Amino acid sequence: MDNRSGCLVGLLKLFLLDKVFDWLQSRFGFGQGCMGCGCGVILLIAFLIIAGSIIFGTNWFSFF
């Protein structure tokens, strides 16, 4: 049985991920903290990993 989600579900996930990422960047991201770094790099890496898992349909927690 194929348990992949549809196109609209993926677009909704990407939209919500974008809104959460924008909110987190405005609170903790680039330009915040010491020397303007903040947690922007960490948030960017997390965003890319989550976006990649949504786009390519990978499940990073499935080992079998």
C-alpha atoms as a PDB file:
ATOM      1  CA  MET A   1       0.000   0.000   0.000  1.00  0.00           C
ATOM      2  CA  ASP A   2       1.321   3.427  -0.968  1.00  0.00           C
ATOM      3  CA  ASN A   3       1.009   5.947   1.886  1.00  0.00           C
ATOM      4  CA  ARG A   4       2.308   9.039   0.072  1.00  0.00           C
ATOM      5  CA  SER A   5       0.390  12.256   0.610  1.00  0.00           C
ATOM      6  CA  GLY A   6      -1.072  14.248  -2.242  1.00  0.00           C
ATOM      7  CA  CYS A   7       0.238  17.389  -3.885  1.00  0.00           C
ATOM      8  CA  LEU A   8      -1.982  19.773  -1.937  1.00  0.00           C
ATOM      9  CA  VAL A   9      -0.921  18.294   1.382  1.00  0.00           C
ATOM     10  CA  GLY A  10       2.721  18.769   0.440  1.00  0.00           C
ATOM     11  CA  LEU A  11       2.112  22.365  -0.625  1.00  0.00           C
ATOM     12  CA  LEU A  12       0.271  23.055   2.634  1.00  0.00           C
ATOM     13  CA  LYS A  13       3.174  21.597   4.623  1.00  0.00           C
ATOM     14  CA  LEU A  14       5.668  23.755   2.709  1.00  0.00           C
ATOM     15  CA  PHE A  15       3.503  26.853   3.229  1.00  0.00           C
ATOM     16  CA  LEU A  16       3.248  26.236   6.977  1.00  0.00           C
ATOM     17  CA  LEU A  17       6.972  25.466   7.166  1.00  0.00           C
ATOM     18  CA  ASP A  18       7.692  28.783   5.443  1.00  0.00           C
ATOM     19  CA  LYS A  19       5.498  30.715   7.895  1.00  0.00           C
ATOM     20  CA  VAL A  20       7.092  29.007  10.920  1.00  0.00           C
ATOM     21  CA  PHE A  21      10.576  29.611   9.477  1.00  0.00           C
ATOM     22  CA  ASP A  22       9.831  33.320   8.913  1.00  0.00           C
ATOM     23  CA  TRP A  23       8.526  33.692  12.463  1.00  0.00           C
ATOM     24  CA  LEU A  24      11.530  31.907  13.957  1.00  0.00           C
ATOM     25  CA  GLN A  25      13.957  33.966  11.850  1.00  0.00           C
ATOM     26  CA  SER A  26      12.356  37.198  13.034  1.00  0.00           C
ATOM     27  CA  ARG A  27      12.643  36.091  16.680  1.00  0.00           C
ATOM     28  CA  PHE A  28      15.917  34.145  16.833  1.00  0.00           C
ATOM     29  CA  GLY A  29      17.510  34.204  13.367  1.00  0.00           C
ATOM     30  CA  PHE A  30      20.010  36.301  11.456  1.00  0.00           C
ATOM     31  CA  GLY A  31      20.522  39.773  12.914  1.00  0.00           C
ATOM     32  CA  GLN A  32      19.710  38.658  16.454  1.00  0.00           C
ATOM     33  CA  GLY A  33      22.187  37.747  19.160  1.00  0.00           C
ATOM     34  CA  CYS A  34      25.902  38.402  19.321  1.00  0.00           C
ATOM     35  CA  MET A  35      27.638  39.640  16.147  1.00  0.00           C
ATOM     36  CA  GLY A  36      24.404  39.302  14.154  1.00  0.00           C
ATOM     37  CA  CYS A  37      24.569  35.521  13.828  1.00  0.00           C
ATOM     38  CA  GLY A  38      21.953  34.299  16.276  1.00  0.00           C
ATOM     39  CA  CYS A  39      20.560  30.881  15.474  1.00  0.00           C
ATOM     40  CA  GLY A  40      20.072  31.686  11.785  1.00  0.00           C
ATOM     41  CA  VAL A  41      22.436  29.011  10.489  1.00  0.00           C
ATOM     42  CA  ILE A  42      20.907  26.309  12.684  1.00  0.00           C
ATOM     43  CA  LEU A  43      17.391  27.327  11.611  1.00  0.00           C
ATOM     44  CA  LEU A  44      18.441  27.360   7.945  1.00  0.00           C
ATOM     45  CA  ILE A  45      19.896  23.849   8.145  1.00  0.00           C
ATOM     46  CA  ALA A  46      16.790  22.547   9.943  1.00  0.00           C
ATOM     47  CA  PHE A  47      14.570  24.234   7.335  1.00  0.00           C
ATOM     48  CA  LEU A  48      16.489  22.620   4.458  1.00  0.00           C
ATOM     49  CA  ILE A  49      16.312  19.158   6.037  1.00  0.00           C
ATOM     50  CA  ILE A  50      12.576  19.405   6.729  1.00  0.00           C
ATOM     51  CA  ALA A  51      11.834  20.905   3.297  1.00  0.00           C
ATOM     52  CA  GLY A  52      13.840  18.122   1.650  1.00  0.00           C
ATOM     53  CA  SER A  53      11.902  15.477   3.546  1.00  0.00           C
ATOM     54  CA  ILE A  54       8.604  17.068   2.444  1.00  0.00           C
ATOM     55  CA  ILE A  55       9.642  17.461  -1.201  1.00  0.00           C
ATOM     56  CA  PHE A  56      11.248  14.052  -1.632  1.00  0.00           C
ATOM     57  CA  GLY A  57       8.925  12.151   0.717  1.00  0.00           C
ATOM     58  CA  THR A  58      11.667  10.723   2.902  1.00  0.00           C
ATOM     59  CA  ASN A  59      11.067   9.525   6.440  1.00  0.00           C
ATOM     60  CA  TRP A  60      14.245  10.062   8.438  1.00  0.00           C
ATOM     61  CA  PHE A  61      12.903   8.071  11.400  1.00  0.00           C
ATOM     62  CA  SER A  62      12.066   4.858   9.561  1.00  0.00           C
ATOM     63  CA  PHE A  63      14.895   2.333   9.889  1.00  0.00           C
ATOM     64  CA  PHE A  64      13.158  -0.707   8.417  1.00  0.00           C
END
